[in-house]
Amino acid sequence: MIKHLKQVSWLLLLVCLLASQAFAQEKLEPVVYRLQFQQRAQNRLIVECKFPTDKHSTIELMMPIWSPGFYRLENHAGRIDQFVVRTAAGKPLVVDQPQKNRWRIQTNGNDHVYVTYRLLC
């Protein structure tokens, strides 16, 4: 019985090591955010984001419908206006909104997409 447990332990250790190696080899590019407080009098924040696409034809962004510590649903996406998506060259990209807190972006093969929106604070 103890021999069997040792074999299982070694197998689990090997699986964990292989999994950690696989994750270590995958280099994920971060999402980059830039916040501008230019419209303080209107309580608006301008958010600019750079999202890597991994060459997917579409990516989907979502905003949570909850806040930590609150036990209720929120409508954070309802505070967004002027949602614009473009390429690095400034060309607009097609965006649809399948749900009120989700945006599906047609990347047109671009490595990154740039999202800008205003948020009522």
PDB file of N, CA and C in Angstrom:
ATOM      1  N   MET A   1       0.819  -1.194   0.000  1.00  0.00           N
ATOM      2  CA  MET A   1       0.000   0.000   0.000  1.00  0.00           C
ATOM      3  C   MET A   1       0.865   1.260   0.000  1.00  0.00           C
ATOM      4  N   ILE A   2       1.905   1.287   0.823  1.00  0.00           N
ATOM      5  CA  ILE A   2       2.787   2.448   0.891  1.00  0.00           C
ATOM      6  C   ILE A   2       3.526   2.633  -0.434  1.00  0.00           C
ATOM      7  N   LYS A   3       3.928   1.543  -1.062  1.00  0.00           N
ATOM      8  CA  LYS A   3       4.607   1.625  -2.359  1.00  0.00           C
ATOM      9  C   LYS A   3       3.687   2.250  -3.395  1.00  0.00           C
ATOM     10  N   HIS A   4       2.412   1.878  -3.351  1.00  0.00           N
ATOM     11  CA  HIS A   4       1.424   2.429  -4.289  1.00  0.00           C
ATOM     12  C   HIS A   4       1.252   3.934  -4.053  1.00  0.00           C
ATOM     13  N   LEU A   5       1.202   4.363  -2.792  1.00  0.00           N
ATOM     14  CA  LEU A   5       1.070   5.786  -2.470  1.00  0.00           C
ATOM     15  C   LEU A   5       2.286   6.575  -2.945  1.00  0.00           C
ATOM     16  N   LYS A   6       3.463   6.010  -2.820  1.00  0.00           N
ATOM     17  CA  LYS A   6       4.677   6.678  -3.292  1.00  0.00           C
ATOM     18  C   LYS A   6       4.635   6.857  -4.805  1.00  0.00           C
ATOM     19  N   GLN A   7       4.160   5.838  -5.522  1.00  0.00           N
ATOM     20  CA  GLN A   7       4.069   5.935  -6.977  1.00  0.00           C
ATOM     21  C   GLN A   7       3.065   7.020  -7.385  1.00  0.00           C
ATOM     22  N   VAL A   8       1.939   7.070  -6.711  1.00  0.00           N
ATOM     23  CA  VAL A   8       0.933   8.098  -7.008  1.00  0.00           C
ATOM     24  C   VAL A   8       1.490   9.484  -6.695  1.00  0.00           C
ATOM     25  N   SER A   9       2.208   9.612  -5.581  1.00  0.00           N
ATOM     26  CA  SER A   9       2.795  10.896  -5.216  1.00  0.00           C
ATOM     27  C   SER A   9       3.795  11.370  -6.267  1.00  0.00           C
ATOM     28  N   TRP A  10       4.655  10.459  -6.727  1.00  0.00           N
ATOM     29  CA  TRP A  10       5.622  10.811  -7.766  1.00  0.00           C
ATOM     30  C   TRP A  10       4.928  11.185  -9.069  1.00  0.00           C
ATOM     31  N   LEU A  11       3.866  10.480  -9.399  1.00  0.00           N
ATOM     32  CA  LEU A  11       3.118  10.772 -10.624  1.00  0.00           C
ATOM     33  C   LEU A  11       2.486  12.166 -10.530  1.00  0.00           C
ATOM     34  N   LEU A  12       1.900  12.481  -9.389  1.00  0.00           N
ATOM     35  CA  LEU A  12       1.313  13.807  -9.199  1.00  0.00           C
ATOM     36  C   LEU A  12       2.376  14.894  -9.266  1.00  0.00           C
ATOM     37  N   LEU A  13       3.530  14.648  -8.671  1.00  0.00           N
ATOM     38  CA  LEU A  13       4.622  15.608  -8.725  1.00  0.00           C
ATOM     39  C   LEU A  13       5.070  15.838 -10.164  1.00  0.00           C
ATOM     40  N   LEU A  14       5.186  14.774 -10.936  1.00  0.00           N
ATOM     41  CA  LEU A  14       5.588  14.884 -12.331  1.00  0.00           C
ATOM     42  C   LEU A  14       4.565  15.680 -13.136  1.00  0.00           C
ATOM     43  N   VAL A  15       3.283  15.406 -12.925  1.00  0.00           N
ATOM     44  CA  VAL A  15       2.224  16.136 -13.639  1.00  0.00           C
ATOM     45  C   VAL A  15       2.287  17.621 -13.292  1.00  0.00           C
ATOM     46  N   CYS A  16       2.479  17.936 -12.016  1.00  0.00           N
ATOM     47  CA  CYS A  16       2.569  19.343 -11.604  1.00  0.00           C
ATOM     48  C   CYS A  16       3.775  20.037 -12.230  1.00  0.00           C
ATOM     49  N   LEU A  17       4.902  19.352 -12.272  1.00  0.00           N
ATOM     50  CA  LEU A  17       6.098  19.937 -12.881  1.00  0.00           C
ATOM     51  C   LEU A  17       5.907  20.174 -14.375  1.00  0.00           C
ATOM     52  N   LEU A  18       5.314  19.216 -15.056  1.00  0.00           N
ATOM     53  CA  LEU A  18       5.065  19.388 -16.491  1.00  0.00           C
ATOM     54  C   LEU A  18       4.087  20.523 -16.750  1.00  0.00           C
ATOM     55  N   ALA A  19       3.061  20.602 -15.928  1.00  0.00           N
ATOM     56  CA  ALA A  19       2.082  21.680 -16.095  1.00  0.00           C
ATOM     57  C   ALA A  19       2.727  23.034 -15.845  1.00  0.00           C
ATOM     58  N   SER A  20       3.566  23.132 -14.820  1.00  0.00           N
ATOM     59  CA  SER A  20       4.208  24.411 -14.539  1.00  0.00           C
ATOM     60  C   SER A  20       5.165  24.796 -15.660  1.00  0.00           C
ATOM     61  N   GLN A  21       5.840  23.835 -16.264  1.00  0.00           N
ATOM     62  CA  GLN A  21       6.716  24.113 -17.403  1.00  0.00           C
ATOM     63  C   GLN A  21       5.912  24.623 -18.592  1.00  0.00           C
ATOM     64  N   ALA A  22       4.760  24.013 -18.842  1.00  0.00           N
ATOM     65  CA  ALA A  22       3.916  24.447 -19.967  1.00  0.00           C
ATOM     66  C   ALA A  22       3.456  25.880 -19.757  1.00  0.00           C
ATOM     67  N   PHE A  23       3.044  26.226 -18.532  1.00  0.00           N
ATOM     68  CA  PHE A  23       2.600  27.584 -18.258  1.00  0.00           C
ATOM     69  C   PHE A  23       3.766  28.562 -18.319  1.00  0.00           C
ATOM     70  N   ALA A  24       4.932  28.150 -17.881  1.00  0.00           N
ATOM     71  CA  ALA A  24       6.095  29.036 -17.896  1.00  0.00           C
ATOM     72  C   ALA A  24       6.536  29.346 -19.324  1.00  0.00           C
ATOM     73  N   GLN A  25       6.376  28.394 -20.239  1.00  0.00           N
ATOM     74  CA  GLN A  25       6.796  28.610 -21.617  1.00  0.00           C
ATOM     75  C   GLN A  25       5.838  29.534 -22.364  1.00  0.00           C
ATOM     76  N   GLU A  26       4.581  29.567 -21.952  1.00  0.00           N
ATOM     77  CA  GLU A  26       3.604  30.422 -22.607  1.00  0.00           C
ATOM     78  C   GLU A  26       3.747  31.839 -22.055  1.00  0.00           C
ATOM     79  N   LYS A  27       4.138  32.752 -22.907  1.00  0.00           N
ATOM     80  CA  LYS A  27       4.304  34.132 -22.471  1.00  0.00           C
ATOM     81  C   LYS A  27       3.088  34.923 -22.916  1.00  0.00           C
ATOM     82  N   LEU A  28       2.263  35.267 -21.967  1.00  0.00           N
ATOM     83  CA  LEU A  28       1.068  36.032 -22.258  1.00  0.00           C
ATOM     84  C   LEU A  28       1.384  37.516 -22.173  1.00  0.00           C
ATOM     85  N   GLU A  29       0.962  38.226 -23.186  1.00  0.00           N
ATOM     86  CA  GLU A  29       1.180  39.667 -23.215  1.00  0.00           C
ATOM     87  C   GLU A  29       0.124  40.348 -22.348  1.00  0.00           C
ATOM     88  N   PRO A  30       0.495  41.333 -21.563  1.00  0.00           N
ATOM     89  CA  PRO A  30      -0.483  41.960 -20.666  1.00  0.00           C
ATOM     90  C   PRO A  30      -1.414  42.918 -21.399  1.00  0.00           C
ATOM     91  N   VAL A  31      -2.551  43.166 -20.790  1.00  0.00           N
ATOM     92  CA  VAL A  31      -3.443  44.236 -21.227  1.00  0.00           C
ATOM     93  C   VAL A  31      -2.898  45.516 -20.605  1.00  0.00           C
ATOM     94  N   VAL A  32      -2.835  46.582 -21.395  1.00  0.00           N
ATOM     95  CA  VAL A  32      -2.286  47.844 -20.917  1.00  0.00           C
ATOM     96  C   VAL A  32      -3.423  48.861 -20.819  1.00  0.00           C
ATOM     97  N   TYR A  33      -3.559  49.484 -19.648  1.00  0.00           N
ATOM     98  CA  TYR A  33      -4.591  50.485 -19.410  1.00  0.00           C
ATOM     99  C   TYR A  33      -3.962  51.852 -19.220  1.00  0.00           C
ATOM    100  N   ARG A  34      -4.654  52.864 -19.692  1.00  0.00           N
ATOM    101  CA  ARG A  34      -4.256  54.253 -19.451  1.00  0.00           C
ATOM    102  C   ARG A  34      -5.508  55.004 -19.024  1.00  0.00           C
ATOM    103  N   LEU A  35      -5.446  55.656 -17.895  1.00  0.00           N
ATOM    104  CA  LEU A  35      -6.593  56.388 -17.362  1.00  0.00           C
ATOM    105  C   LEU A  35      -6.332  57.879 -17.434  1.00  0.00           C
ATOM    106  N   GLN A  36      -7.333  58.626 -17.906  1.00  0.00           N
ATOM    107  CA  GLN A  36      -7.216  60.077 -17.989  1.00  0.00           C
ATOM    108  C   GLN A  36      -8.349  60.702 -17.186  1.00  0.00           C
ATOM    109  N   PHE A  37      -8.005  61.635 -16.327  1.00  0.00           N
ATOM    110  CA  PHE A  37      -8.990  62.317 -15.502  1.00  0.00           C
ATOM    111  C   PHE A  37      -9.222  63.729 -16.030  1.00  0.00           C
ATOM    112  N   GLN A  38      -9.388  63.874 -17.345  1.00  0.00           N
ATOM    113  CA  GLN A  38      -9.519  65.188 -17.965  1.00  0.00           C
ATOM    114  C   GLN A  38     -10.896  65.804 -17.761  1.00  0.00           C
ATOM    115  N   GLN A  39     -11.904  64.991 -17.496  1.00  0.00           N
ATOM    116  CA  GLN A  39     -13.270  65.498 -17.381  1.00  0.00           C
ATOM    117  C   GLN A  39     -13.767  65.383 -15.940  1.00  0.00           C
ATOM    118  N   ARG A  40     -12.991  65.901 -15.014  1.00  0.00           N
ATOM    119  CA  ARG A  40     -13.322  65.784 -13.591  1.00  0.00           C
ATOM    120  C   ARG A  40     -14.637  66.479 -13.245  1.00  0.00           C
ATOM    121  N   ALA A  41     -14.884  67.628 -13.850  1.00  0.00           N
ATOM    122  CA  ALA A  41     -16.096  68.382 -13.523  1.00  0.00           C
ATOM    123  C   ALA A  41     -17.357  67.593 -13.886  1.00  0.00           C
ATOM    124  N   GLN A  42     -17.286  66.752 -14.926  1.00  0.00           N
ATOM    125  CA  GLN A  42     -18.429  65.930 -15.337  1.00  0.00           C
ATOM    126  C   GLN A  42     -18.400  64.538 -14.698  1.00  0.00           C
ATOM    127  N   ASN A  43     -17.439  64.317 -13.793  1.00  0.00           N
ATOM    128  CA  ASN A  43     -17.264  63.003 -13.153  1.00  0.00           C
ATOM    129  C   ASN A  43     -17.067  61.891 -14.176  1.00  0.00           C
ATOM    130  N   ARG A  44     -16.285  62.178 -15.211  1.00  0.00           N
ATOM    131  CA  ARG A  44     -16.020  61.187 -16.255  1.00  0.00           C
ATOM    132  C   ARG A  44     -14.539  60.860 -16.305  1.00  0.00           C
ATOM    133  N   LEU A  45     -14.278  59.586 -16.504  1.00  0.00           N
ATOM    134  CA  LEU A  45     -12.926  59.062 -16.622  1.00  0.00           C
ATOM    135  C   LEU A  45     -12.774  58.524 -18.042  1.00  0.00           C
ATOM    136  N   ILE A  46     -11.692  58.856 -18.716  1.00  0.00           N
ATOM    137  CA  ILE A  46     -11.429  58.308 -20.049  1.00  0.00           C
ATOM    138  C   ILE A  46     -10.486  57.130 -19.876  1.00  0.00           C
ATOM    139  N   VAL A  47     -10.909  55.977 -20.383  1.00  0.00           N
ATOM    140  CA  VAL A  47     -10.140  54.742 -20.262  1.00  0.00           C
ATOM    141  C   VAL A  47      -9.659  54.340 -21.648  1.00  0.00           C
ATOM    142  N   GLU A  48      -8.364  54.108 -21.774  1.00  0.00           N
ATOM    143  CA  GLU A  48      -7.781  53.596 -23.016  1.00  0.00           C
ATOM    144  C   GLU A  48      -7.117  52.268 -22.692  1.00  0.00           C
ATOM    145  N   CYS A  49      -7.381  51.245 -23.516  1.00  0.00           N
ATOM    146  CA  CYS A  49      -6.843  49.907 -23.274  1.00  0.00           C
ATOM    147  C   CYS A  49      -6.223  49.363 -24.550  1.00  0.00           C
ATOM    148  N   LYS A  50      -5.150  48.633 -24.393  1.00  0.00           N
ATOM    149  CA  LYS A  50      -4.502  47.926 -25.500  1.00  0.00           C
ATOM    150  C   LYS A  50      -4.614  46.434 -25.193  1.00  0.00           C
ATOM    151  N   PHE A  51      -5.352  45.704 -26.050  1.00  0.00           N
ATOM    152  CA  PHE A  51      -5.575  44.282 -25.846  1.00  0.00           C
ATOM    153  C   PHE A  51      -4.843  43.464 -26.904  1.00  0.00           C
ATOM    154  N   PRO A  52      -4.041  42.483 -26.510  1.00  0.00           N
ATOM    155  CA  PRO A  52      -3.466  41.554 -27.486  1.00  0.00           C
ATOM    156  C   PRO A  52      -4.574  40.638 -27.996  1.00  0.00           C
ATOM    157  N   THR A  53      -4.486  40.228 -29.248  1.00  0.00           N
ATOM    158  CA  THR A  53      -5.539  39.393 -29.837  1.00  0.00           C
ATOM    159  C   THR A  53      -5.099  37.953 -30.082  1.00  0.00           C
ATOM    160  N   ASP A  54      -3.801  37.676 -30.000  1.00  0.00           N
ATOM    161  CA  ASP A  54      -3.269  36.355 -30.354  1.00  0.00           C
ATOM    162  C   ASP A  54      -3.723  35.925 -31.746  1.00  0.00           C
ATOM    163  N   LYS A  55      -3.957  36.919 -32.597  1.00  0.00           N
ATOM    164  CA  LYS A  55      -4.364  36.698 -33.994  1.00  0.00           C
ATOM    165  C   LYS A  55      -5.728  36.012 -34.123  1.00  0.00           C
ATOM    166  N   HIS A  56      -6.557  36.087 -33.076  1.00  0.00           N
ATOM    167  CA  HIS A  56      -7.918  35.557 -33.178  1.00  0.00           C
ATOM    168  C   HIS A  56      -8.733  36.497 -34.059  1.00  0.00           C
ATOM    169  N   SER A  57      -9.699  35.964 -34.773  1.00  0.00           N
ATOM    170  CA  SER A  57     -10.525  36.798 -35.646  1.00  0.00           C
ATOM    171  C   SER A  57     -11.459  37.701 -34.841  1.00  0.00           C
ATOM    172  N   THR A  58     -11.851  37.250 -33.656  1.00  0.00           N
ATOM    173  CA  THR A  58     -12.655  38.070 -32.752  1.00  0.00           C
ATOM    174  C   THR A  58     -12.148  37.886 -31.328  1.00  0.00           C
ATOM    175  N   ILE A  59     -12.338  38.905 -30.528  1.00  0.00           N
ATOM    176  CA  ILE A  59     -12.122  38.777 -29.093  1.00  0.00           C
ATOM    177  C   ILE A  59     -13.373  39.318 -28.415  1.00  0.00           C
ATOM    178  N   GLU A  60     -13.625  38.853 -27.216  1.00  0.00           N
ATOM    179  CA  GLU A  60     -14.787  39.321 -26.473  1.00  0.00           C
ATOM    180  C   GLU A  60     -14.336  39.888 -25.135  1.00  0.00           C
ATOM    181  N   LEU A  61     -14.783  41.103 -24.873  1.00  0.00           N
ATOM    182  CA  LEU A  61     -14.469  41.769 -23.620  1.00  0.00           C
ATOM    183  C   LEU A  61     -15.724  41.789 -22.765  1.00  0.00           C
ATOM    184  N   MET A  62     -15.536  41.717 -21.471  1.00  0.00           N
ATOM    185  CA  MET A  62     -16.695  41.807 -20.596  1.00  0.00           C
ATOM    186  C   MET A  62     -16.362  42.619 -19.364  1.00  0.00           C
ATOM    187  N   MET A  63     -17.390  43.204 -18.794  1.00  0.00           N
ATOM    188  CA  MET A  63     -17.271  43.959 -17.564  1.00  0.00           C
ATOM    189  C   MET A  63     -18.093  43.222 -16.510  1.00  0.00           C
ATOM    190  N   PRO A  64     -17.576  43.061 -15.310  1.00  0.00           N
ATOM    191  CA  PRO A  64     -18.330  42.321 -14.287  1.00  0.00           C
ATOM    192  C   PRO A  64     -19.639  43.017 -13.939  1.00  0.00           C
ATOM    193  N   ILE A  65     -20.571  42.231 -13.437  1.00  0.00           N
ATOM    194  CA  ILE A  65     -21.862  42.787 -13.014  1.00  0.00           C
ATOM    195  C   ILE A  65     -21.973  42.801 -11.487  1.00  0.00           C
ATOM    196  N   TRP A  66     -20.839  42.739 -10.816  1.00  0.00           N
ATOM    197  CA  TRP A  66     -20.809  42.737  -9.357  1.00  0.00           C
ATOM    198  C   TRP A  66     -19.613  43.555  -8.888  1.00  0.00           C
ATOM    199  N   SER A  67     -19.610  43.886  -7.626  1.00  0.00           N
ATOM    200  CA  SER A  67     -18.478  44.561  -6.980  1.00  0.00           C
ATOM    201  C   SER A  67     -18.121  43.784  -5.727  1.00  0.00           C
ATOM    202  N   PRO A  68     -16.845  43.635  -5.429  1.00  0.00           N
ATOM    203  CA  PRO A  68     -16.455  42.906  -4.215  1.00  0.00           C
ATOM    204  C   PRO A  68     -17.100  43.528  -2.968  1.00  0.00           C
ATOM    205  N   GLY A  69     -17.637  42.680  -2.110  1.00  0.00           N
ATOM    206  CA  GLY A  69     -18.234  43.144  -0.862  1.00  0.00           C
ATOM    207  C   GLY A  69     -19.695  43.518  -0.952  1.00  0.00           C
ATOM    208  N   PHE A  70     -20.254  43.612  -2.170  1.00  0.00           N
ATOM    209  CA  PHE A  70     -21.663  43.943  -2.332  1.00  0.00           C
ATOM    210  C   PHE A  70     -22.408  42.701  -2.805  1.00  0.00           C
ATOM    211  N   TYR A  71     -23.547  42.443  -2.218  1.00  0.00           N
ATOM    212  CA  TYR A  71     -24.337  41.267  -2.589  1.00  0.00           C
ATOM    213  C   TYR A  71     -25.525  41.704  -3.435  1.00  0.00           C
ATOM    214  N   ARG A  72     -25.206  42.306  -4.568  1.00  0.00           N
ATOM    215  CA  ARG A  72     -26.247  42.734  -5.505  1.00  0.00           C
ATOM    216  C   ARG A  72     -25.638  42.839  -6.900  1.00  0.00           C
ATOM    217  N   LEU A  73     -26.484  42.803  -7.891  1.00  0.00           N
ATOM    218  CA  LEU A  73     -26.032  42.974  -9.270  1.00  0.00           C
ATOM    219  C   LEU A  73     -25.878  44.455  -9.558  1.00  0.00           C
ATOM    220  N   GLU A  74     -24.852  44.785 -10.312  1.00  0.00           N
ATOM    221  CA  GLU A  74     -24.558  46.170 -10.683  1.00  0.00           C
ATOM    222  C   GLU A  74     -24.651  46.318 -12.200  1.00  0.00           C
ATOM    223  N   ASN A  75     -24.796  47.543 -12.666  1.00  0.00           N
ATOM    224  CA  ASN A  75     -24.803  47.830 -14.102  1.00  0.00           C
ATOM    225  C   ASN A  75     -23.646  48.770 -14.421  1.00  0.00           C
ATOM    226  N   HIS A  76     -22.419  48.299 -14.230  1.00  0.00           N
ATOM    227  CA  HIS A  76     -21.247  49.123 -14.510  1.00  0.00           C
ATOM    228  C   HIS A  76     -21.177  49.490 -15.993  1.00  0.00           C
ATOM    229  N   ALA A  77     -21.563  48.566 -16.861  1.00  0.00           N
ATOM    230  CA  ALA A  77     -21.508  48.820 -18.304  1.00  0.00           C
ATOM    231  C   ALA A  77     -22.462  49.936 -18.719  1.00  0.00           C
ATOM    232  N   GLY A  78     -23.514  50.155 -17.947  1.00  0.00           N
ATOM    233  CA  GLY A  78     -24.450  51.238 -18.246  1.00  0.00           C
ATOM    234  C   GLY A  78     -23.848  52.618 -18.027  1.00  0.00           C
ATOM    235  N   ARG A  79     -22.689  52.684 -17.398  1.00  0.00           N
ATOM    236  CA  ARG A  79     -22.004  53.954 -17.153  1.00  0.00           C
ATOM    237  C   ARG A  79     -20.987  54.285 -18.238  1.00  0.00           C
ATOM    238  N   ILE A  80     -20.950  53.479 -19.283  1.00  0.00           N
ATOM    239  CA  ILE A  80     -19.979  53.665 -20.372  1.00  0.00           C
ATOM    240  C   ILE A  80     -20.642  54.361 -21.548  1.00  0.00           C
ATOM    241  N   ASP A  81     -19.932  55.317 -22.136  1.00  0.00           N
ATOM    242  CA  ASP A  81     -20.366  55.867 -23.421  1.00  0.00           C
ATOM    243  C   ASP A  81     -19.142  56.116 -24.294  1.00  0.00           C
ATOM    244  N   GLN A  82     -19.380  56.369 -25.543  1.00  0.00           N
ATOM    245  CA  GLN A  82     -18.331  56.587 -26.550  1.00  0.00           C
ATOM    246  C   GLN A  82     -17.340  55.428 -26.581  1.00  0.00           C
ATOM    247  N   PHE A  83     -17.851  54.197 -26.672  1.00  0.00           N
ATOM    248  CA  PHE A  83     -17.029  52.993 -26.755  1.00  0.00           C
ATOM    249  C   PHE A  83     -16.521  52.864 -28.188  1.00  0.00           C
ATOM    250  N   VAL A  84     -15.212  53.015 -28.387  1.00  0.00           N
ATOM    251  CA  VAL A  84     -14.602  53.011 -29.718  1.00  0.00           C
ATOM    252  C   VAL A  84     -13.464  52.006 -29.737  1.00  0.00           C
ATOM    253  N   VAL A  85     -13.389  51.214 -30.811  1.00  0.00           N
ATOM    254  CA  VAL A  85     -12.297  50.259 -30.977  1.00  0.00           C
ATOM    255  C   VAL A  85     -11.600  50.563 -32.301  1.00  0.00           C
ATOM    256  N   ARG A  86     -10.271  50.549 -32.271  1.00  0.00           N
ATOM    257  CA  ARG A  86      -9.494  50.872 -33.473  1.00  0.00           C
ATOM    258  C   ARG A  86      -8.237  50.011 -33.528  1.00  0.00           C
ATOM    259  N   THR A  87      -7.583  50.070 -34.680  1.00  0.00           N
ATOM    260  CA  THR A  87      -6.297  49.390 -34.860  1.00  0.00           C
ATOM    261  C   THR A  87      -5.182  50.338 -34.426  1.00  0.00           C
ATOM    262  N   ALA A  88      -3.940  49.858 -34.462  1.00  0.00           N
ATOM    263  CA  ALA A  88      -2.792  50.710 -34.139  1.00  0.00           C
ATOM    264  C   ALA A  88      -2.684  51.871 -35.129  1.00  0.00           C
ATOM    265  N   ALA A  89      -3.152  51.665 -36.367  1.00  0.00           N
ATOM    266  CA  ALA A  89      -3.114  52.716 -37.381  1.00  0.00           C
ATOM    267  C   ALA A  89      -4.294  53.681 -37.262  1.00  0.00           C
ATOM    268  N   GLY A  90      -5.208  53.410 -36.322  1.00  0.00           N
ATOM    269  CA  GLY A  90      -6.341  54.308 -36.112  1.00  0.00           C
ATOM    270  C   GLY A  90      -7.595  53.946 -36.869  1.00  0.00           C
ATOM    271  N   LYS A  91      -7.591  52.823 -37.595  1.00  0.00           N
ATOM    272  CA  LYS A  91      -8.782  52.420 -38.348  1.00  0.00           C
ATOM    273  C   LYS A  91      -9.811  51.822 -37.396  1.00  0.00           C
ATOM    274  N   PRO A  92     -11.083  52.221 -37.546  1.00  0.00           N
ATOM    275  CA  PRO A  92     -12.116  51.671 -36.667  1.00  0.00           C
ATOM    276  C   PRO A  92     -12.377  50.197 -36.956  1.00  0.00           C
ATOM    277  N   LEU A  93     -12.740  49.453 -35.916  1.00  0.00           N
ATOM    278  CA  LEU A  93     -13.071  48.042 -36.043  1.00  0.00           C
ATOM    279  C   LEU A  93     -14.537  47.827 -35.685  1.00  0.00           C
ATOM    280  N   VAL A  94     -15.114  46.755 -36.225  1.00  0.00           N
ATOM    281  CA  VAL A  94     -16.522  46.439 -35.988  1.00  0.00           C
ATOM    282  C   VAL A  94     -16.678  45.841 -34.590  1.00  0.00           C
ATOM    283  N   VAL A  95     -17.668  46.367 -33.863  1.00  0.00           N
ATOM    284  CA  VAL A  95     -17.964  45.901 -32.512  1.00  0.00           C
ATOM    285  C   VAL A  95     -19.458  45.657 -32.408  1.00  0.00           C
ATOM    286  N   ASP A  96     -19.840  44.518 -31.838  1.00  0.00           N
ATOM    287  CA  ASP A  96     -21.242  44.333 -31.497  1.00  0.00           C
ATOM    288  C   ASP A  96     -21.316  44.013 -30.012  1.00  0.00           C
ATOM    289  N   GLN A  97     -22.501  44.179 -29.457  1.00  0.00           N
ATOM    290  CA  GLN A  97     -22.677  44.007 -28.024  1.00  0.00           C
ATOM    291  C   GLN A  97     -23.734  42.918 -27.787  1.00  0.00           C
ATOM    292  N   PRO A  98     -23.291  41.638 -27.696  1.00  0.00           N
ATOM    293  CA  PRO A  98     -24.249  40.539 -27.539  1.00  0.00           C
ATOM    294  C   PRO A  98     -24.998  40.568 -26.211  1.00  0.00           C
ATOM    295  N   GLN A  99     -24.406  41.155 -25.187  1.00  0.00           N
ATOM    296  CA  GLN A  99     -25.055  41.353 -23.893  1.00  0.00           C
ATOM    297  C   GLN A  99     -24.678  42.736 -23.393  1.00  0.00           C
ATOM    298  N   LYS A 100     -25.426  43.246 -22.436  1.00  0.00           N
ATOM    299  CA  LYS A 100     -25.166  44.634 -22.023  1.00  0.00           C
ATOM    300  C   LYS A 100     -23.799  44.832 -21.373  1.00  0.00           C
ATOM    301  N   ASN A 101     -23.158  43.754 -20.896  1.00  0.00           N
ATOM    302  CA  ASN A 101     -21.835  43.898 -20.285  1.00  0.00           C
ATOM    303  C   ASN A 101     -20.733  43.221 -21.108  1.00  0.00           C
ATOM    304  N   ARG A 102     -21.008  42.935 -22.410  1.00  0.00           N
ATOM    305  CA  ARG A 102     -20.022  42.269 -23.273  1.00  0.00           C
ATOM    306  C   ARG A 102     -19.918  42.980 -24.621  1.00  0.00           C
ATOM    307  N   TRP A 103     -18.677  42.965 -25.156  1.00  0.00           N
ATOM    308  CA  TRP A 103     -18.414  43.557 -26.460  1.00  0.00           C
ATOM    309  C   TRP A 103     -17.596  42.563 -27.273  1.00  0.00           C
ATOM    310  N   ARG A 104     -18.060  42.241 -28.474  1.00  0.00           N
ATOM    311  CA  ARG A 104     -17.353  41.328 -29.378  1.00  0.00           C
ATOM    312  C   ARG A 104     -16.718  42.178 -30.476  1.00  0.00           C
ATOM    313  N   ILE A 105     -15.391  42.047 -30.626  1.00  0.00           N
ATOM    314  CA  ILE A 105     -14.622  42.886 -31.542  1.00  0.00           C
ATOM    315  C   ILE A 105     -14.081  42.038 -32.678  1.00  0.00           C
ATOM    316  N   GLN A 106     -14.310  42.479 -33.913  1.00  0.00           N
ATOM    317  CA  GLN A 106     -13.728  41.853 -35.104  1.00  0.00           C
ATOM    318  C   GLN A 106     -12.317  42.428 -35.252  1.00  0.00           C
ATOM    319  N   THR A 107     -11.301  41.594 -35.088  1.00  0.00           N
ATOM    320  CA  THR A 107      -9.918  42.090 -35.051  1.00  0.00           C
ATOM    321  C   THR A 107      -9.306  42.316 -36.432  1.00  0.00           C
ATOM    322  N   ASN A 108      -9.877  41.716 -37.458  1.00  0.00           N
ATOM    323  CA  ASN A 108      -9.332  41.820 -38.822  1.00  0.00           C
ATOM    324  C   ASN A 108      -7.876  41.389 -38.887  1.00  0.00           C
ATOM    325  N   GLY A 109      -7.481  40.445 -38.021  1.00  0.00           N
ATOM    326  CA  GLY A 109      -6.123  39.908 -38.047  1.00  0.00           C
ATOM    327  C   GLY A 109      -5.076  40.764 -37.369  1.00  0.00           C
ATOM    328  N   ASN A 110      -5.467  41.841 -36.729  1.00  0.00           N
ATOM    329  CA  ASN A 110      -4.508  42.711 -36.042  1.00  0.00           C
ATOM    330  C   ASN A 110      -3.981  42.042 -34.775  1.00  0.00           C
ATOM    331  N   ASP A 111      -2.722  42.326 -34.447  1.00  0.00           N
ATOM    332  CA  ASP A 111      -2.100  41.778 -33.242  1.00  0.00           C
ATOM    333  C   ASP A 111      -2.704  42.354 -31.964  1.00  0.00           C
ATOM    334  N   HIS A 112      -3.130  43.614 -32.038  1.00  0.00           N
ATOM    335  CA  HIS A 112      -3.680  44.327 -30.886  1.00  0.00           C
ATOM    336  C   HIS A 112      -4.895  45.132 -31.325  1.00  0.00           C
ATOM    337  N   VAL A 113      -5.779  45.373 -30.392  1.00  0.00           N
ATOM    338  CA  VAL A 113      -6.855  46.323 -30.624  1.00  0.00           C
ATOM    339  C   VAL A 113      -6.785  47.356 -29.504  1.00  0.00           C
ATOM    340  N   TYR A 114      -7.230  48.564 -29.816  1.00  0.00           N
ATOM    341  CA  TYR A 114      -7.181  49.669 -28.874  1.00  0.00           C
ATOM    342  C   TYR A 114      -8.611  50.114 -28.597  1.00  0.00           C
ATOM    343  N   VAL A 115      -8.999  50.070 -27.344  1.00  0.00           N
ATOM    344  CA  VAL A 115     -10.359  50.400 -26.925  1.00  0.00           C
ATOM    345  C   VAL A 115     -10.303  51.684 -26.108  1.00  0.00           C
ATOM    346  N   THR A 116     -11.208  52.605 -26.427  1.00  0.00           N
ATOM    347  CA  THR A 116     -11.327  53.850 -25.674  1.00  0.00           C
ATOM    348  C   THR A 116     -12.791  54.038 -25.311  1.00  0.00           C
ATOM    349  N   TYR A 117     -13.038  54.402 -24.059  1.00  0.00           N
ATOM    350  CA  TYR A 117     -14.409  54.722 -23.652  1.00  0.00           C
ATOM    351  C   TYR A 117     -14.388  55.703 -22.503  1.00  0.00           C
ATOM    352  N   ARG A 118     -15.545  56.358 -22.311  1.00  0.00           N
ATOM    353  CA  ARG A 118     -15.718  57.259 -21.171  1.00  0.00           C
ATOM    354  C   ARG A 118     -16.561  56.547 -20.136  1.00  0.00           C
ATOM    355  N   LEU A 119     -16.197  56.715 -18.880  1.00  0.00           N
ATOM    356  CA  LEU A 119     -16.885  56.060 -17.779  1.00  0.00           C
ATOM    357  C   LEU A 119     -17.379  57.118 -16.798  1.00  0.00           C
ATOM    358  N   LEU A 120     -18.680  57.086 -16.524  1.00  0.00           N
ATOM    359  CA  LEU A 120     -19.248  57.972 -15.520  1.00  0.00           C
ATOM    360  C   LEU A 120     -18.898  57.446 -14.141  1.00  0.00           C
ATOM    361  N   CYS A 121     -18.251  58.267 -13.328  1.00  0.00           N
ATOM    362  CA  CYS A 121     -17.806  57.820 -11.999  1.00  0.00           C
ATOM    363  C   CYS A 121     -18.736  58.334 -10.914  1.00  0.00           C
TER     364      CYS A 121
END
